[in-house]
Amino acid sequence: ALVLRALADAKVDPSDLQYVEAHGTGTALGDSIECRALSRVLAQGAHPEAKPCYLGSAKANVGHLEAAAGMAGLIKAL
């Protein structure tokens, strides 16, 4: 619901997203829950010709970064 509200506030259709930088808990349970939840949101209204939306997480690559996590995610995405 939070992601859908954020997309609606930004006037962005879920099918327009091409990349999501996830929180990435680094655990099999947490990562799979996050991935399934994002898949449900982003698949809403998707059509067969829709472009893929890639999912990444800096935390999965470099671990917990505390305050630097957002910057690491931005650098990774760029």
Protein backbone atom coordinates (compact mmCIF):
# COMPACT_ATOMS: atom_id res chain seq x y z
CA ALA A 1 0.00 0.00 0.00
CA LEU A 2 2.85 2.40 0.79
CA VAL A 3 4.54 1.92 -2.58
CA LEU A 4 1.23 2.33 -4.41
CA ARG A 5 0.52 5.57 -2.50
CA ALA A 6 4.01 6.89 -3.29
CA LEU A 7 3.58 6.08 -6.97
CA ALA A 8 0.13 7.70 -7.03
CA ASP A 9 1.46 10.84 -5.29
CA ALA A 10 4.25 11.02 -7.88
CA LYS A 11 1.76 10.35 -10.70
CA VAL A 12 3.86 7.37 -11.82
CA ASP A 13 2.31 4.17 -13.12
CA PRO A 14 3.92 1.00 -11.68
CA SER A 15 4.56 -0.22 -15.23
CA ASP A 16 6.77 2.85 -15.85
CA LEU A 17 9.39 1.74 -13.31
CA GLN A 18 12.54 0.19 -14.74
CA TYR A 19 14.59 -0.24 -11.54
CA VAL A 20 13.88 -0.47 -7.80
CA GLU A 21 16.62 -0.24 -5.18
CA ALA A 22 15.28 -2.50 -2.43
CA HIS A 23 16.01 -2.45 1.28
CA GLY A 24 17.56 -5.90 1.01
CA THR A 25 17.60 -7.45 4.47
CA GLY A 26 20.26 -9.93 3.43
CA THR A 27 18.21 -12.84 4.75
CA ALA A 28 16.43 -15.55 2.79
CA LEU A 29 13.16 -14.81 4.60
CA GLY A 30 13.26 -10.99 4.49
CA ASP A 31 14.49 -10.69 0.91
CA SER A 32 11.88 -13.11 -0.42
CA ILE A 33 9.06 -11.27 1.40
CA GLU A 34 10.23 -7.91 0.03
CA CYS A 35 10.62 -9.29 -3.49
CA ARG A 36 7.15 -10.89 -3.50
CA ALA A 37 5.54 -7.70 -2.16
CA LEU A 38 7.21 -5.53 -4.81
CA SER A 39 6.27 -8.04 -7.52
CA ARG A 40 2.60 -7.84 -6.52
CA VAL A 41 2.62 -4.05 -6.59
CA LEU A 42 4.56 -3.68 -9.82
CA ALA A 43 2.58 -6.38 -11.64
CA GLN A 44 -0.73 -4.57 -11.11
CA GLY A 45 -2.09 -3.71 -14.51
CA ALA A 46 0.99 -5.08 -16.27
CA HIS A 47 0.53 -6.30 -19.80
CA PRO A 48 2.52 -8.94 -21.73
CA GLU A 49 4.51 -6.28 -23.61
CA ALA A 50 5.59 -4.52 -20.38
CA LYS A 51 9.28 -3.81 -19.91
CA PRO A 52 11.01 -5.62 -17.04
CA CYS A 53 11.64 -3.83 -13.77
CA TYR A 54 15.02 -4.72 -12.31
CA LEU A 55 15.53 -5.10 -8.57
CA GLY A 56 18.76 -4.45 -6.73
CA SER A 57 20.04 -3.86 -3.22
CA ALA A 58 23.34 -2.27 -2.24
CA LYS A 59 23.07 -3.91 1.18
CA ALA A 60 23.25 -7.32 -0.47
CA ASN A 61 26.57 -6.26 -2.03
CA VAL A 62 28.27 -4.29 0.75
CA GLY A 63 26.37 -4.99 3.96
CA HIS A 64 24.81 -2.62 6.48
CA LEU A 65 25.89 0.96 5.86
CA GLU A 66 23.72 2.89 8.32
CA ALA A 67 23.54 6.52 7.18
CA ALA A 68 25.49 5.84 3.97
CA ALA A 69 22.98 3.27 2.68
CA GLY A 70 20.98 5.75 0.58
CA MET A 71 24.10 7.17 -1.06
CA ALA A 72 25.46 3.70 -1.82
CA GLY A 73 22.13 2.76 -3.45
CA LEU A 74 22.17 5.93 -5.55
CA ILE A 75 25.76 5.37 -6.69
CA LYS A 76 24.96 1.75 -7.54
CA ALA A 77 21.90 2.79 -9.58
CA LEU A 78 23.87 5.40 -11.48
